[in-house]
Amino acid sequence: MDFSFITKRPLWQNILTGVGISFLLIGFFLLMLNVITNHGDYLLVPDVKGKQLDDVQSNLEQKGFEVVIQDSIYVDTLPANIIIKQFPDPEATVKVNRVIYLTINRTVPPTIPMPNLIGMSLRNALSELKSVGLKMGDTTYVADIAKNAVRDQMIGGVSIKPGTPVRMGSSIALMIGTGLGGSELPVPDLFGMTFGEAKMILESNGISTGNIMLDPGITDTTAGFVYWQNPPPYDAQNNVNVLRVGQLVDVKLSIAKPERPAVPEKSSDH
């Protein structure tokens, strides 16, 4: 190939020709770059939060977005597959083919180990359930000396052991102690006993003293004598009164040992 025309031309013409060819190449490269990268093509990011993934995914892709599920969390108050978060934010201006990252609500709730609520107060048990994503279901009360303490934890009426996997959002039924024992026992007759003796009798039966009312002059409660109690050992019909474990007996104390009043005989029908 004969390149003599180049050597025969003035140098400045060759330089100008080279510069012109360079500009043409650069212009062609920039043009192709714009085509490849869609330079100048921008889209407004729509607000898809609170919508179902199936309802918006194909629409986003048709508009030129790429959809990626970045994360899934569980919120029991929201429907499954609902979009909770998105990035970029709504109304942001982005280039075509930009990825939109979505966080959706899980279809199936995750499982968590059942906490041990046995022995907790009702208030603390409720706080513990909330902290791990569980709900408090029905509460039933049973005779138990541990007042307002959890005695059992159940799902569907079946006791569930601590550590058992349960679904987040499950309702846990609680069995709560009333503070009273299940068995009944006759009210002890404390009349004429010192308070120290009476207290020993009561505590041996699982009964506690309630209000202690002192007559004037008593300095040593333990040595005071019981002359009144509530509930009394017998009712107005002379029937035996009963208590449950955990109930209280109020007493009045005097300095001197009291004389027991005569008990009227029960009338009998002839």
C-alpha atoms as a PDB file:
ATOM      1  CA  MET A   1       0.000   0.000   0.000  1.00  0.00           C
ATOM      2  CA  ASP A   2       1.395   3.364  -1.044  1.00  0.00           C
ATOM      3  CA  PHE A   3       1.640   5.848   1.893  1.00  0.00           C
ATOM      4  CA  SER A   4       3.730   8.339  -0.090  1.00  0.00           C
ATOM      5  CA  PHE A   5       0.828  10.812  -0.037  1.00  0.00           C
ATOM      6  CA  ILE A   6       1.426  11.224   3.699  1.00  0.00           C
ATOM      7  CA  THR A   7       5.084  12.057   3.342  1.00  0.00           C
ATOM      8  CA  LYS A   8       4.399  14.401   0.448  1.00  0.00           C
ATOM      9  CA  ARG A   9       1.866  16.463   2.466  1.00  0.00           C
ATOM     10  CA  PRO A  10       2.956  19.236   4.805  1.00  0.00           C
ATOM     11  CA  LEU A  11       3.429  18.213   8.431  1.00  0.00           C
ATOM     12  CA  TRP A  12       0.690  20.490   9.721  1.00  0.00           C
ATOM     13  CA  GLN A  13      -1.855  18.811   7.444  1.00  0.00           C
ATOM     14  CA  ASN A  14      -0.912  15.412   8.833  1.00  0.00           C
ATOM     15  CA  ILE A  15      -1.248  16.711  12.399  1.00  0.00           C
ATOM     16  CA  LEU A  16      -4.692  18.170  11.729  1.00  0.00           C
ATOM     17  CA  THR A  17      -5.792  14.946  10.072  1.00  0.00           C
ATOM     18  CA  GLY A  18      -4.621  12.930  13.097  1.00  0.00           C
ATOM     19  CA  VAL A  19      -6.402  15.251  15.521  1.00  0.00           C
ATOM     20  CA  GLY A  20      -9.608  15.017  13.495  1.00  0.00           C
ATOM     21  CA  ILE A  21      -9.508  11.227  13.448  1.00  0.00           C
ATOM     22  CA  SER A  22      -8.924  11.207  17.225  1.00  0.00           C
ATOM     23  CA  PHE A  23     -11.972  13.397  17.833  1.00  0.00           C
ATOM     24  CA  LEU A  24     -14.065  11.126  15.642  1.00  0.00           C
ATOM     25  CA  LEU A  25     -12.965   8.055  17.611  1.00  0.00           C
ATOM     26  CA  ILE A  26     -13.635   9.749  20.967  1.00  0.00           C
ATOM     27  CA  GLY A  27     -17.078  10.892  19.821  1.00  0.00           C
ATOM     28  CA  PHE A  28     -17.951   7.398  18.618  1.00  0.00           C
ATOM     29  CA  PHE A  29     -16.797   5.904  21.943  1.00  0.00           C
ATOM     30  CA  LEU A  30     -18.898   8.348  23.990  1.00  0.00           C
ATOM     31  CA  LEU A  31     -21.925   7.709  21.800  1.00  0.00           C
ATOM     32  CA  MET A  32     -21.646   3.968  22.271  1.00  0.00           C
ATOM     33  CA  LEU A  33     -21.093   4.428  26.024  1.00  0.00           C
ATOM     34  CA  ASN A  34     -24.334   6.384  26.296  1.00  0.00           C
ATOM     35  CA  VAL A  35     -26.178   3.653  24.438  1.00  0.00           C
ATOM     36  CA  ILE A  36     -24.723   0.871  26.581  1.00  0.00           C
ATOM     37  CA  THR A  37     -25.287   2.589  29.953  1.00  0.00           C
ATOM     38  CA  ASN A  38     -28.589   4.283  29.060  1.00  0.00           C
ATOM     39  CA  HIS A  39     -26.992   7.596  29.948  1.00  0.00           C
ATOM     40  CA  GLY A  40     -29.614  10.249  30.375  1.00  0.00           C
ATOM     41  CA  ASP A  41     -32.409   7.710  31.073  1.00  0.00           C
ATOM     42  CA  TYR A  42     -33.696   8.217  34.637  1.00  0.00           C
ATOM     43  CA  LEU A  43     -36.667   6.871  36.542  1.00  0.00           C
ATOM     44  CA  LEU A  44     -38.582   7.995  39.612  1.00  0.00           C
ATOM     45  CA  VAL A  45     -38.684   5.296  42.302  1.00  0.00           C
ATOM     46  CA  PRO A  46     -42.313   4.496  43.207  1.00  0.00           C
ATOM     47  CA  ASP A  47     -43.516   3.968  46.785  1.00  0.00           C
ATOM     48  CA  VAL A  48     -44.169   0.239  47.192  1.00  0.00           C
ATOM     49  CA  LYS A  49     -44.153   0.000  50.991  1.00  0.00           C
ATOM     50  CA  GLY A  50     -47.290  -1.619  52.367  1.00  0.00           C
ATOM     51  CA  LYS A  51     -48.025  -3.405  49.082  1.00  0.00           C
ATOM     52  CA  GLN A  52     -47.926  -7.094  48.249  1.00  0.00           C
ATOM     53  CA  LEU A  53     -44.719  -8.262  46.580  1.00  0.00           C
ATOM     54  CA  ASP A  54     -46.615 -10.200  43.902  1.00  0.00           C
ATOM     55  CA  ASP A  55     -48.592  -7.083  42.988  1.00  0.00           C
ATOM     56  CA  VAL A  56     -45.590  -4.825  42.366  1.00  0.00           C
ATOM     57  CA  GLN A  57     -42.640  -7.005  41.324  1.00  0.00           C
ATOM     58  CA  SER A  58     -43.589  -7.481  37.660  1.00  0.00           C
ATOM     59  CA  ASN A  59     -44.648  -3.829  37.400  1.00  0.00           C
ATOM     60  CA  LEU A  60     -41.267  -2.654  38.716  1.00  0.00           C
ATOM     61  CA  GLU A  61     -39.398  -4.896  36.301  1.00  0.00           C
ATOM     62  CA  GLN A  62     -41.461  -3.635  33.362  1.00  0.00           C
ATOM     63  CA  LYS A  63     -40.546  -0.069  34.294  1.00  0.00           C
ATOM     64  CA  GLY A  64     -36.848  -0.904  34.155  1.00  0.00           C
ATOM     65  CA  PHE A  65     -36.016  -1.741  37.762  1.00  0.00           C
ATOM     66  CA  GLU A  66     -34.314  -4.861  39.030  1.00  0.00           C
ATOM     67  CA  VAL A  67     -35.977  -6.241  42.170  1.00  0.00           C
ATOM     68  CA  VAL A  68     -33.919  -7.951  44.892  1.00  0.00           C
ATOM     69  CA  ILE A  69     -35.363  -9.307  48.157  1.00  0.00           C
ATOM     70  CA  GLN A  70     -32.742  -8.095  50.616  1.00  0.00           C
ATOM     71  CA  ASP A  71     -34.308  -9.401  53.830  1.00  0.00           C
ATOM     72  CA  SER A  72     -37.437 -10.879  55.374  1.00  0.00           C
ATOM     73  CA  ILE A  73     -38.633 -10.227  58.903  1.00  0.00           C
ATOM     74  CA  TYR A  74     -41.742 -11.238  60.802  1.00  0.00           C
ATOM     75  CA  VAL A  75     -44.397  -8.840  62.059  1.00  0.00           C
ATOM     76  CA  ASP A  76     -47.482 -10.701  63.234  1.00  0.00           C
ATOM     77  CA  THR A  77     -49.771  -7.711  62.691  1.00  0.00           C
ATOM     78  CA  LEU A  78     -48.967  -7.510  58.952  1.00  0.00           C
ATOM     79  CA  PRO A  79     -49.961  -9.835  56.084  1.00  0.00           C
ATOM     80  CA  ALA A  80     -47.407 -12.241  54.634  1.00  0.00           C
ATOM     81  CA  ASN A  81     -45.246 -10.958  51.730  1.00  0.00           C
ATOM     82  CA  ILE A  82     -46.131  -7.339  52.441  1.00  0.00           C
ATOM     83  CA  ILE A  83     -43.292  -4.923  51.639  1.00  0.00           C
ATOM     84  CA  ILE A  84     -41.986  -3.328  54.841  1.00  0.00           C
ATOM     85  CA  LYS A  85     -38.916  -1.413  53.627  1.00  0.00           C
ATOM     86  CA  GLN A  86     -37.426  -0.357  50.304  1.00  0.00           C
ATOM     87  CA  PHE A  87     -34.174   1.149  49.079  1.00  0.00           C
ATOM     88  CA  PRO A  88     -33.797   3.586  47.331  1.00  0.00           C
ATOM     89  CA  ASP A  89     -36.494   5.591  49.063  1.00  0.00           C
ATOM     90  CA  PRO A  90     -39.705   6.586  47.270  1.00  0.00           C
ATOM     91  CA  GLU A  91     -39.451   9.563  44.889  1.00  0.00           C
ATOM     92  CA  ALA A  92     -35.691   9.079  44.452  1.00  0.00           C
ATOM     93  CA  THR A  93     -34.366   9.600  40.909  1.00  0.00           C
ATOM     94  CA  VAL A  94     -32.272   6.675  39.650  1.00  0.00           C
ATOM     95  CA  LYS A  95     -30.951   5.325  36.372  1.00  0.00           C
ATOM     96  CA  VAL A  96     -32.698   2.651  34.384  1.00  0.00           C
ATOM     97  CA  ASN A  97     -31.899  -0.919  35.522  1.00  0.00           C
ATOM     98  CA  ARG A  98     -31.192   0.301  39.054  1.00  0.00           C
ATOM     99  CA  VAL A  99     -31.704  -2.365  41.726  1.00  0.00           C
ATOM    100  CA  ILE A 100     -34.507  -1.819  44.250  1.00  0.00           C
ATOM    101  CA  TYR A 101     -33.868  -3.703  47.494  1.00  0.00           C
ATOM    102  CA  LEU A 102     -36.964  -4.836  49.367  1.00  0.00           C
ATOM    103  CA  THR A 103     -37.607  -6.138  52.887  1.00  0.00           C
ATOM    104  CA  ILE A 104     -40.789  -8.203  53.134  1.00  0.00           C
ATOM    105  CA  ASN A 105     -42.845  -9.810  55.884  1.00  0.00           C
ATOM    106  CA  ARG A 106     -42.177 -13.525  56.187  1.00  0.00           C
ATOM    107  CA  THR A 107     -44.794 -16.025  55.063  1.00  0.00           C
ATOM    108  CA  VAL A 108     -44.035 -18.440  57.906  1.00  0.00           C
ATOM    109  CA  PRO A 109     -43.194 -17.035  61.359  1.00  0.00           C
ATOM    110  CA  PRO A 110     -39.812 -18.108  62.760  1.00  0.00           C
ATOM    111  CA  THR A 111     -39.610 -20.479  65.700  1.00  0.00           C
ATOM    112  CA  ILE A 112     -38.165 -19.459  69.050  1.00  0.00           C
ATOM    113  CA  PRO A 113     -37.482 -21.431  72.245  1.00  0.00           C
ATOM    114  CA  MET A 114     -40.293 -21.236  74.775  1.00  0.00           C
ATOM    115  CA  PRO A 115     -39.139 -19.203  77.801  1.00  0.00           C
ATOM    116  CA  ASN A 116     -39.545 -20.512  81.332  1.00  0.00           C
ATOM    117  CA  LEU A 117     -42.332 -18.495  82.954  1.00  0.00           C
ATOM    118  CA  ILE A 118     -42.993 -20.862  85.844  1.00  0.00           C
ATOM    119  CA  GLY A 119     -42.700 -19.012  89.152  1.00  0.00           C
ATOM    120  CA  MET A 120     -42.706 -15.550  87.565  1.00  0.00           C
ATOM    121  CA  SER A 121     -45.249 -12.969  88.595  1.00  0.00           C
ATOM    122  CA  LEU A 122     -47.991 -12.361  86.050  1.00  0.00           C
ATOM    123  CA  ARG A 123     -46.546  -8.932  85.265  1.00  0.00           C
ATOM    124  CA  ASN A 124     -43.025 -10.235  84.659  1.00  0.00           C
ATOM    125  CA  ALA A 125     -44.345 -13.124  82.579  1.00  0.00           C
ATOM    126  CA  LEU A 126     -46.219 -10.707  80.312  1.00  0.00           C
ATOM    127  CA  SER A 127     -43.068  -8.612  79.887  1.00  0.00           C
ATOM    128  CA  GLU A 128     -41.020 -11.714  79.028  1.00  0.00           C
ATOM    129  CA  LEU A 129     -43.565 -12.873  76.445  1.00  0.00           C
ATOM    130  CA  LYS A 130     -43.529  -9.490  74.715  1.00  0.00           C
ATOM    131  CA  SER A 131     -39.736  -9.361  74.649  1.00  0.00           C
ATOM    132  CA  VAL A 132     -39.496 -12.634  72.685  1.00  0.00           C
ATOM    133  CA  GLY A 133     -42.412 -11.995  70.328  1.00  0.00           C
ATOM    134  CA  LEU A 134     -45.106 -14.099  72.012  1.00  0.00           C
ATOM    135  CA  LYS A 135     -48.595 -13.138  73.185  1.00  0.00           C
ATOM    136  CA  MET A 136     -50.404 -13.831  76.420  1.00  0.00           C
ATOM    137  CA  GLY A 137     -53.509 -15.917  75.854  1.00  0.00           C
ATOM    138  CA  ASP A 138     -56.200 -16.882  78.336  1.00  0.00           C
ATOM    139  CA  THR A 139     -55.405 -16.864  82.035  1.00  0.00           C
ATOM    140  CA  THR A 140     -56.964 -19.269  84.498  1.00  0.00           C
ATOM    141  CA  TYR A 141     -56.610 -19.196  88.256  1.00  0.00           C
ATOM    142  CA  VAL A 142     -55.891 -22.211  90.414  1.00  0.00           C
ATOM    143  CA  ALA A 143     -55.675 -22.685  94.154  1.00  0.00           C
ATOM    144  CA  ASP A 144     -52.008 -22.237  94.965  1.00  0.00           C
ATOM    145  CA  ILE A 145     -50.250 -20.471  97.800  1.00  0.00           C
ATOM    146  CA  ALA A 146     -48.049 -18.572  95.308  1.00  0.00           C
ATOM    147  CA  LYS A 147     -50.305 -15.588  94.669  1.00  0.00           C
ATOM    148  CA  ASN A 148     -50.239 -14.161  91.109  1.00  0.00           C
ATOM    149  CA  ALA A 149     -47.379 -16.509  90.192  1.00  0.00           C
ATOM    150  CA  VAL A 150     -47.360 -18.550  86.974  1.00  0.00           C
ATOM    151  CA  ARG A 151     -47.995 -22.211  87.769  1.00  0.00           C
ATOM    152  CA  ASP A 152     -48.213 -23.527  84.202  1.00  0.00           C
ATOM    153  CA  GLN A 153     -47.740 -22.383  80.591  1.00  0.00           C
ATOM    154  CA  MET A 154     -49.778 -23.895  77.773  1.00  0.00           C
ATOM    155  CA  ILE A 155     -50.544 -23.816  74.055  1.00  0.00           C
ATOM    156  CA  GLY A 156     -53.885 -25.241  72.992  1.00  0.00           C
ATOM    157  CA  GLY A 157     -54.546 -26.521  76.483  1.00  0.00           C
ATOM    158  CA  VAL A 158     -51.321 -28.554  76.562  1.00  0.00           C
ATOM    159  CA  SER A 159     -48.466 -27.710  78.917  1.00  0.00           C
ATOM    160  CA  ILE A 160     -45.322 -26.683  77.084  1.00  0.00           C
ATOM    161  CA  LYS A 161     -41.859 -27.126  78.523  1.00  0.00           C
ATOM    162  CA  PRO A 162     -39.234 -24.363  78.501  1.00  0.00           C
ATOM    163  CA  GLY A 163     -36.992 -24.589  75.437  1.00  0.00           C
ATOM    164  CA  THR A 164     -39.648 -26.176  73.217  1.00  0.00           C
ATOM    165  CA  PRO A 165     -39.674 -24.516  69.752  1.00  0.00           C
ATOM    166  CA  VAL A 166     -42.791 -22.394  69.268  1.00  0.00           C
ATOM    167  CA  ARG A 167     -43.803 -20.060  66.472  1.00  0.00           C
ATOM    168  CA  MET A 168     -43.277 -16.384  67.068  1.00  0.00           C
ATOM    169  CA  GLY A 169     -46.606 -14.685  67.651  1.00  0.00           C
ATOM    170  CA  SER A 170     -48.150 -17.713  69.381  1.00  0.00           C
ATOM    171  CA  SER A 171     -50.565 -17.129  72.258  1.00  0.00           C
ATOM    172  CA  ILE A 172     -49.460 -18.658  75.545  1.00  0.00           C
ATOM    173  CA  ALA A 173     -52.156 -19.490  78.094  1.00  0.00           C
ATOM    174  CA  LEU A 174     -51.094 -19.048  81.700  1.00  0.00           C
ATOM    175  CA  MET A 175     -52.270 -20.712  84.883  1.00  0.00           C
ATOM    176  CA  ILE A 176     -51.977 -18.307  87.821  1.00  0.00           C
ATOM    177  CA  GLY A 177     -51.967 -19.031  91.553  1.00  0.00           C
ATOM    178  CA  THR A 178     -54.679 -17.436  93.670  1.00  0.00           C
ATOM    179  CA  GLY A 179     -52.551 -17.302  96.805  1.00  0.00           C
ATOM    180  CA  LEU A 180     -54.830 -19.830  98.492  1.00  0.00           C
ATOM    181  CA  GLY A 181     -54.299 -23.529  98.992  1.00  0.00           C
ATOM    182  CA  GLY A 182     -56.583 -26.075  97.411  1.00  0.00           C
ATOM    183  CA  SER A 183     -57.665 -27.895 100.566  1.00  0.00           C
ATOM    184  CA  GLU A 184     -59.940 -26.509 103.258  1.00  0.00           C
ATOM    185  CA  LEU A 185     -59.174 -26.768 106.972  1.00  0.00           C
ATOM    186  CA  PRO A 186     -61.141 -25.769 110.058  1.00  0.00           C
ATOM    187  CA  VAL A 187     -60.372 -22.382 111.550  1.00  0.00           C
ATOM    188  CA  PRO A 188     -58.228 -22.944 114.660  1.00  0.00           C
ATOM    189  CA  ASP A 189     -59.695 -21.770 117.958  1.00  0.00           C
ATOM    190  CA  LEU A 190     -57.125 -19.264 119.248  1.00  0.00           C
ATOM    191  CA  PHE A 191     -59.080 -17.934 122.211  1.00  0.00           C
ATOM    192  CA  GLY A 192     -56.983 -17.654 125.363  1.00  0.00           C
ATOM    193  CA  MET A 193     -53.685 -18.419 123.612  1.00  0.00           C
ATOM    194  CA  THR A 194     -50.760 -16.034 123.701  1.00  0.00           C
ATOM    195  CA  PHE A 195     -50.076 -14.430 120.361  1.00  0.00           C
ATOM    196  CA  GLY A 196     -46.832 -16.434 120.131  1.00  0.00           C
ATOM    197  CA  GLU A 197     -48.773 -19.703 120.567  1.00  0.00           C
ATOM    198  CA  ALA A 198     -51.515 -18.625 118.173  1.00  0.00           C
ATOM    199  CA  LYS A 199     -49.042 -17.603 115.503  1.00  0.00           C
ATOM    200  CA  MET A 200     -47.299 -20.971 115.741  1.00  0.00           C
ATOM    201  CA  ILE A 201     -50.633 -22.803 115.328  1.00  0.00           C
ATOM    202  CA  LEU A 202     -51.620 -20.689 112.341  1.00  0.00           C
ATOM    203  CA  GLU A 203     -48.299 -20.981 110.526  1.00  0.00           C
ATOM    204  CA  SER A 204     -48.194 -24.749 111.028  1.00  0.00           C
ATOM    205  CA  ASN A 205     -51.444 -24.885 109.041  1.00  0.00           C
ATOM    206  CA  GLY A 206     -50.258 -22.517 106.314  1.00  0.00           C
ATOM    207  CA  ILE A 207     -52.360 -19.614 107.611  1.00  0.00           C
ATOM    208  CA  SER A 208     -50.984 -16.135 108.180  1.00  0.00           C
ATOM    209  CA  THR A 209     -51.916 -13.496 110.718  1.00  0.00           C
ATOM    210  CA  GLY A 210     -53.674 -10.455 109.361  1.00  0.00           C
ATOM    211  CA  ASN A 211     -54.440  -7.372 111.428  1.00  0.00           C
ATOM    212  CA  ILE A 212     -53.142  -7.494 115.019  1.00  0.00           C
ATOM    213  CA  MET A 213     -55.077  -5.119 117.275  1.00  0.00           C
ATOM    214  CA  LEU A 214     -53.602  -4.424 120.719  1.00  0.00           C
ATOM    215  CA  ASP A 215     -55.406  -3.322 123.852  1.00  0.00           C
ATOM    216  CA  PRO A 216     -53.823  -0.377 125.701  1.00  0.00           C
ATOM    217  CA  GLY A 217     -50.805  -1.251 127.820  1.00  0.00           C
ATOM    218  CA  ILE A 218     -49.439  -4.140 125.758  1.00  0.00           C
ATOM    219  CA  THR A 219     -45.695  -3.781 125.193  1.00  0.00           C
ATOM    220  CA  ASP A 220     -44.871  -7.357 124.209  1.00  0.00           C
ATOM    221  CA  THR A 221     -47.111  -8.547 121.384  1.00  0.00           C
ATOM    222  CA  THR A 222     -45.948 -12.151 121.714  1.00  0.00           C
ATOM    223  CA  ALA A 223     -47.171 -12.311 125.326  1.00  0.00           C
ATOM    224  CA  GLY A 224     -50.585 -10.755 124.615  1.00  0.00           C
ATOM    225  CA  PHE A 225     -53.642 -13.015 124.844  1.00  0.00           C
ATOM    226  CA  VAL A 226     -56.080 -13.613 122.007  1.00  0.00           C
ATOM    227  CA  TYR A 227     -59.642 -12.754 123.013  1.00  0.00           C
ATOM    228  CA  TRP A 228     -61.105 -12.140 119.528  1.00  0.00           C
ATOM    229  CA  GLN A 229     -60.391 -13.522 116.062  1.00  0.00           C
ATOM    230  CA  ASN A 230     -61.828 -13.168 112.580  1.00  0.00           C
ATOM    231  CA  PRO A 231     -62.911 -15.461 111.120  1.00  0.00           C
ATOM    232  CA  PRO A 232     -64.067 -17.172 114.313  1.00  0.00           C
ATOM    233  CA  PRO A 233     -63.875 -20.959 114.664  1.00  0.00           C
ATOM    234  CA  TYR A 234     -67.677 -21.233 114.455  1.00  0.00           C
ATOM    235  CA  ASP A 235     -70.373 -19.315 112.640  1.00  0.00           C
ATOM    236  CA  ALA A 236     -73.631 -17.990 114.115  1.00  0.00           C
ATOM    237  CA  GLN A 237     -75.235 -21.424 113.730  1.00  0.00           C
ATOM    238  CA  ASN A 238     -72.313 -23.009 115.564  1.00  0.00           C
ATOM    239  CA  ASN A 239     -71.045 -24.614 112.349  1.00  0.00           C
ATOM    240  CA  VAL A 240     -67.298 -24.974 111.883  1.00  0.00           C
ATOM    241  CA  ASN A 241     -65.773 -22.246 109.702  1.00  0.00           C
ATOM    242  CA  VAL A 242     -63.099 -23.265 107.192  1.00  0.00           C
ATOM    243  CA  LEU A 243     -60.070 -21.556 105.630  1.00  0.00           C
ATOM    244  CA  ARG A 244     -57.755 -22.236 102.727  1.00  0.00           C
ATOM    245  CA  VAL A 245     -54.001 -22.174 102.953  1.00  0.00           C
ATOM    246  CA  GLY A 246     -52.834 -18.605 102.486  1.00  0.00           C
ATOM    247  CA  GLN A 247     -55.844 -16.897 104.011  1.00  0.00           C
ATOM    248  CA  LEU A 248     -55.493 -14.532 106.975  1.00  0.00           C
ATOM    249  CA  VAL A 249     -56.824 -14.455 110.522  1.00  0.00           C
ATOM    250  CA  ASP A 250     -57.191 -11.126 112.340  1.00  0.00           C
ATOM    251  CA  VAL A 251     -56.790 -11.065 116.141  1.00  0.00           C
ATOM    252  CA  LYS A 252     -57.247  -8.755 119.105  1.00  0.00           C
ATOM    253  CA  LEU A 253     -54.887  -9.071 122.094  1.00  0.00           C
ATOM    254  CA  SER A 254     -55.304  -8.214 125.770  1.00  0.00           C
ATOM    255  CA  ILE A 255     -52.842  -8.053 128.664  1.00  0.00           C
ATOM    256  CA  ALA A 256     -54.753 -10.521 130.863  1.00  0.00           C
ATOM    257  CA  LYS A 257     -55.847 -13.973 129.849  1.00  0.00           C
ATOM    258  CA  PRO A 258     -59.545 -13.777 128.982  1.00  0.00           C
ATOM    259  CA  GLU A 259     -62.331 -15.905 130.373  1.00  0.00           C
ATOM    260  CA  ARG A 260     -64.173 -17.835 127.691  1.00  0.00           C
ATOM    261  CA  PRO A 261     -67.808 -16.777 127.537  1.00  0.00           C
ATOM    262  CA  ALA A 262     -70.422 -19.433 127.944  1.00  0.00           C
ATOM    263  CA  VAL A 263     -71.541 -20.926 124.647  1.00  0.00           C
ATOM    264  CA  PRO A 264     -75.304 -21.218 124.356  1.00  0.00           C
ATOM    265  CA  GLU A 265     -76.478 -24.742 123.754  1.00  0.00           C
ATOM    266  CA  LYS A 266     -77.833 -25.543 120.330  1.00  0.00           C
ATOM    267  CA  SER A 267     -81.564 -25.892 120.411  1.00  0.00           C
ATOM    268  CA  SER A 268     -82.933 -29.174 119.163  1.00  0.00           C
ATOM    269  CA  ASP A 269     -86.319 -29.872 117.710  1.00  0.00           C
ATOM    270  CA  HIS A 270     -88.453 -32.473 119.522  1.00  0.00           C
END
